[in-house]
C-alpha cells in the first residue's frame, strides 16, 4: 500500500469517529475494466498492444519476465469490485473493516495468455525467456511509442480512435508484467464475513475487449 493510501485511510477513520458514521475500506488487486479516464487500465493497455502485434503479423509475446509469467497475479474485475463494495457497505457486520478484494480464481499469466491469444486470433506462441527470470521480453515504454504512426494508420483503416495511445500508460503495464513478487491477496477475511463470489478473470478480459471494440478503441 502506498503512503498516500495510508493517509487516506487514517483520514477516513478520523472523520468516521468524529462524525459517528461507519466506513468500509477495500483493497483491490490488479483492476481490469473499461475507463477512458485512467491510464492505469491493464485491459486497455493489453488490448492495444495485442492489436498492434496482430497488425504487424507478429506473435503476442508476453512483454514481461519469467517470474511474472509464472507467479499468481490476482485480478480485480471492476464489476466484482463494485458488487463487493455494495455488499460490504450494506452489511452491518462489515462496518469499519478493511478487506482485500479480487476475483478469487488465482490466475497466472501463463494460464490466461493462451486465452487472450485465442481471442485476438493469434496462433499459439511458445514464450521464450532469459535465464535471468527478471529480464523482460520487451521494454514496453520504449517499444510501444514507436508504434504510434502504425496506430494512426490503423485508426484510418479500421475507423478506430486515433488518440487511443493517449489513454495508455506503457510504464504501468511494464511494471505489472515485471513485478519481482507475486501480487497474491488473501481473500480469507472477506470469505469469513460471507463473501462467496468467485469471478472468471478470463471472461472478464473478454468482456473488456468486447466493450473496447464497441467503443471503437480497438479493431473488431
Protein backbone atom coordinates (compact mmCIF):
# COMPACT_ATOMS: atom_id res chain seq x y z
CA UNK A 1 0.00 0.00 0.00
CA UNK A 2 1.30 3.44 -0.87
CA UNK A 3 2.00 6.23 1.60
CA UNK A 4 -0.90 8.21 0.10
CA UNK A 5 -3.34 5.35 0.71
CA UNK A 6 -2.24 5.17 4.34
CA UNK A 7 -3.00 8.87 4.74
CA UNK A 8 -6.41 8.43 3.13
CA UNK A 9 -7.30 5.55 5.43
CA UNK A 10 -6.20 7.48 8.51
CA UNK A 11 -8.34 10.44 7.42
CA UNK A 12 -11.41 8.24 6.85
CA UNK A 13 -11.06 6.64 10.28
CA UNK A 14 -10.64 10.03 11.95
CA UNK A 15 -13.69 11.51 10.19
CA UNK A 16 -15.79 8.44 10.96
CA UNK A 17 -15.00 8.71 14.66
CA UNK A 18 -15.71 12.45 14.76
CA UNK A 19 -18.96 12.25 12.79
CA UNK A 20 -20.31 8.95 14.07
CA UNK A 21 -20.54 7.12 10.77
CA UNK A 22 -19.16 3.81 9.52
CA UNK A 23 -16.82 3.02 6.66
CA UNK A 24 -15.51 0.04 4.71
CA UNK A 25 -12.07 0.09 3.09
CA UNK A 26 -11.49 -2.21 0.12
CA UNK A 27 -8.10 -3.04 -1.35
CA UNK A 28 -8.33 -4.45 -4.88
CA UNK A 29 -5.54 -6.15 -6.77
CA UNK A 30 -4.85 -5.62 -10.50
CA UNK A 31 -8.05 -3.91 -11.67
CA UNK A 32 -9.39 -4.73 -15.12
CA UNK A 33 -12.26 -2.72 -16.51
CA UNK A 34 -13.10 -0.05 -19.04
CA UNK A 35 -12.39 3.61 -18.42
CA UNK A 36 -11.07 6.31 -20.71
CA UNK A 37 -10.14 8.36 -17.66
CA UNK A 38 -7.49 6.01 -16.28
CA UNK A 39 -4.19 5.15 -17.93
CA UNK A 40 -3.63 2.55 -15.18
CA UNK A 41 -6.01 0.29 -17.05
CA UNK A 42 -4.34 -3.03 -17.74
CA UNK A 43 -7.03 -4.42 -20.04
CA UNK A 44 -6.89 -1.34 -22.27
CA UNK A 45 -3.09 -1.37 -22.46
CA UNK A 46 -3.07 -5.08 -23.23
CA UNK A 47 -5.75 -4.75 -25.92
CA UNK A 48 -3.88 -2.00 -27.76
CA UNK A 49 -0.61 -3.93 -27.52
CA UNK A 50 -2.36 -7.04 -28.92
CA UNK A 51 -3.95 -5.06 -31.76
CA UNK A 52 -0.55 -3.66 -32.76
CA UNK A 53 1.13 -7.08 -32.70
CA UNK A 54 -1.71 -8.52 -34.77
CA UNK A 55 -1.43 -5.75 -37.33
CA UNK A 56 2.33 -6.29 -37.61
CA UNK A 57 1.84 -10.03 -38.09
CA UNK A 58 3.95 -10.74 -35.02
CA UNK A 59 3.17 -13.13 -32.15
CA UNK A 60 1.62 -11.98 -28.90
CA UNK A 61 4.88 -12.02 -26.99
CA UNK A 62 4.44 -11.74 -23.25
CA UNK A 63 6.30 -8.47 -22.68
CA UNK A 64 7.28 -9.22 -19.10
CA UNK A 65 9.70 -11.55 -17.37
CA UNK A 66 9.63 -15.22 -16.44
CA UNK A 67 8.89 -14.54 -12.80
CA UNK A 68 5.69 -12.60 -13.55
CA UNK A 69 4.71 -15.18 -16.19
CA UNK A 70 4.63 -17.93 -13.60
CA UNK A 71 3.51 -16.03 -10.49
CA UNK A 72 -0.05 -15.93 -9.20
CA UNK A 73 -1.37 -12.50 -10.18
CA UNK A 74 -4.72 -11.81 -8.59
CA UNK A 75 -7.03 -9.67 -10.71
CA UNK A 76 -9.89 -7.49 -9.52
CA UNK A 77 -12.55 -7.22 -12.20
CA UNK A 78 -14.25 -3.83 -11.92
CA UNK A 79 -17.75 -5.33 -11.73
CA UNK A 80 -16.65 -7.63 -8.90
CA UNK A 81 -15.19 -4.64 -7.07
CA UNK A 82 -18.46 -2.73 -7.44
CA UNK A 83 -20.54 -5.67 -6.24
CA UNK A 84 -18.27 -6.19 -3.24
CA UNK A 85 -18.43 -2.52 -2.31
CA UNK A 86 -22.22 -2.58 -2.49
CA UNK A 87 -22.39 -5.80 -0.47
CA UNK A 88 -19.96 -4.66 2.21
CA UNK A 89 -21.45 -1.17 2.56
CA UNK A 90 -24.92 -2.62 3.27
CA UNK A 91 -23.75 -5.35 5.65
CA UNK A 92 -23.70 -4.27 9.31
CA UNK A 93 -21.10 -6.90 10.20
CA UNK A 94 -18.53 -5.39 7.84
CA UNK A 95 -18.70 -1.88 9.30
CA UNK A 96 -15.31 -0.26 9.97
CA UNK A 97 -13.40 -3.15 8.41
CA UNK A 98 -10.66 -3.38 5.79
CA UNK A 99 -10.84 -6.07 3.09
CA UNK A 100 -8.75 -7.37 0.23
CA UNK A 101 -10.91 -7.97 -2.83
CA UNK A 102 -10.08 -9.80 -6.05
CA UNK A 103 -11.62 -12.33 -8.42
CA UNK A 104 -10.57 -15.29 -6.30
CA UNK A 105 -9.61 -17.61 -9.15
CA UNK A 106 -5.83 -17.43 -8.66
CA UNK A 107 -4.72 -16.86 -12.24
CA UNK A 108 -1.23 -16.78 -13.69
CA UNK A 109 -0.30 -15.03 -16.91
CA UNK A 110 0.93 -18.34 -18.28
CA UNK A 111 -2.59 -19.80 -17.98
CA UNK A 112 -4.56 -16.77 -19.14
CA UNK A 113 -2.29 -15.68 -22.02
CA UNK A 114 -3.31 -18.51 -24.41
CA UNK A 115 -6.95 -17.43 -23.98
CA UNK A 116 -6.00 -13.86 -24.87
CA UNK A 117 -4.10 -15.15 -27.91
CA UNK A 118 -7.19 -17.06 -28.98
CA UNK A 119 -9.48 -14.06 -28.52
CA UNK A 120 -7.39 -11.87 -30.82
CA UNK A 121 -6.84 -14.63 -33.38
CA UNK A 122 -3.14 -15.29 -32.77
CA UNK A 123 -1.50 -18.63 -33.37
CA UNK A 124 -0.13 -20.01 -30.13
CA UNK A 125 3.40 -18.79 -29.44
CA UNK A 126 5.71 -20.69 -27.13
CA UNK A 127 7.08 -17.93 -24.91
CA UNK A 128 10.85 -17.67 -24.50
CA UNK A 129 12.56 -16.08 -21.54
CA UNK A 130 16.04 -15.12 -20.42
CA UNK A 131 17.81 -17.38 -17.93
CA UNK A 132 17.63 -14.37 -15.63
CA UNK A 133 13.97 -14.52 -14.56
CA UNK A 134 13.84 -10.75 -14.02
CA UNK A 135 14.70 -9.78 -17.62
CA UNK A 136 11.66 -8.71 -19.71
CA UNK A 137 11.00 -9.82 -23.26
CA UNK A 138 10.11 -6.27 -24.29
CA UNK A 139 10.58 -2.82 -22.80
CA UNK A 140 7.07 -1.54 -23.44
CA UNK A 141 7.78 2.16 -22.68
CA UNK A 142 10.39 2.01 -25.45
CA UNK A 143 8.65 -0.34 -27.86
CA UNK A 144 5.08 0.97 -27.95
CA UNK A 145 5.70 4.70 -28.60
CA UNK A 146 7.46 3.59 -31.80
CA UNK A 147 4.14 2.10 -32.96
CA UNK A 148 2.27 5.41 -32.82
CA UNK A 149 2.48 6.02 -36.58
CA UNK A 150 1.23 2.48 -37.22
CA UNK A 151 -1.68 3.12 -34.87
CA UNK A 152 -2.63 6.26 -36.79
CA UNK A 153 -2.73 4.16 -39.96
CA UNK A 154 -4.83 1.54 -38.18
CA UNK A 155 -7.22 4.24 -36.98
CA UNK A 156 -7.93 5.27 -40.57
CA UNK A 157 -8.14 1.70 -41.83
CA UNK A 158 -10.45 0.38 -39.11
CA UNK A 159 -12.22 3.61 -38.10
CA UNK A 160 -10.97 3.44 -34.52
CA UNK A 161 -9.76 6.05 -32.05
CA UNK A 162 -6.51 7.59 -33.29
CA UNK A 163 -5.89 9.06 -29.85
CA UNK A 164 -6.11 5.75 -28.02
CA UNK A 165 -2.39 5.79 -27.26
CA UNK A 166 -3.03 8.84 -25.08
CA UNK A 167 -5.28 6.68 -22.89
CA UNK A 168 -2.48 4.27 -22.03
CA UNK A 169 0.47 4.04 -19.69
CA UNK A 170 3.09 1.66 -21.03
CA UNK A 171 5.18 2.15 -17.91
CA UNK A 172 2.25 0.94 -15.80
CA UNK A 173 1.85 -2.20 -17.91
CA UNK A 174 5.62 -2.72 -17.91
CA UNK A 175 5.70 -2.61 -14.11
CA UNK A 176 2.82 -5.09 -13.79
CA UNK A 177 4.38 -7.71 -16.07
CA UNK A 178 7.76 -7.37 -14.36
CA UNK A 179 6.82 -7.41 -10.68
CA UNK A 180 9.53 -9.07 -8.56
CA UNK A 181 6.90 -10.61 -6.28
CA UNK A 182 3.59 -12.44 -6.63
CA UNK A 183 0.67 -9.98 -6.19
CA UNK A 184 -1.44 -12.55 -4.38
CA UNK A 185 -4.04 -11.19 -1.97
CA UNK A 186 -5.55 -13.04 0.99
CA UNK A 187 -9.32 -13.18 0.49
CA UNK A 188 -9.99 -15.17 3.66
CA UNK A 189 -11.34 -12.24 5.68
CA UNK A 190 -13.98 -11.45 3.05
CA UNK A 191 -14.89 -15.15 2.95
CA UNK A 192 -15.29 -15.29 6.73
CA UNK A 193 -17.68 -12.34 6.59
CA UNK A 194 -19.79 -14.10 3.97
CA UNK A 195 -18.47 -13.06 0.55
CA UNK A 196 -18.78 -16.14 -1.69
CA UNK A 197 -18.30 -14.76 -5.21
CA UNK A 198 -15.54 -16.05 -7.49
CA UNK A 199 -15.10 -14.34 -10.86
CA UNK A 200 -13.72 -15.87 -14.06
CA UNK A 201 -10.89 -13.46 -14.86
CA UNK A 202 -10.53 -14.72 -18.44
CA UNK A 203 -14.22 -13.99 -19.04
CA UNK A 204 -13.74 -10.50 -17.59
CA UNK A 205 -10.95 -9.84 -20.08
CA UNK A 206 -13.23 -10.98 -22.92
CA UNK A 207 -15.97 -8.62 -21.75
CA UNK A 208 -13.49 -5.74 -21.58
CA UNK A 209 -12.16 -6.44 -25.07
CA UNK A 210 -15.69 -6.68 -26.47
CA UNK A 211 -16.51 -3.28 -24.97
CA UNK A 212 -13.32 -1.75 -26.37
CA UNK A 213 -14.36 -2.95 -29.83
CA UNK A 214 -17.84 -1.49 -29.37
CA UNK A 215 -16.25 1.82 -28.31
CA UNK A 216 -14.07 1.74 -31.45
CA UNK A 217 -10.86 1.80 -29.46
CA UNK A 218 -9.53 -1.43 -30.99
CA UNK A 219 -10.41 -3.09 -34.33
CA UNK A 220 -13.27 -5.58 -34.48
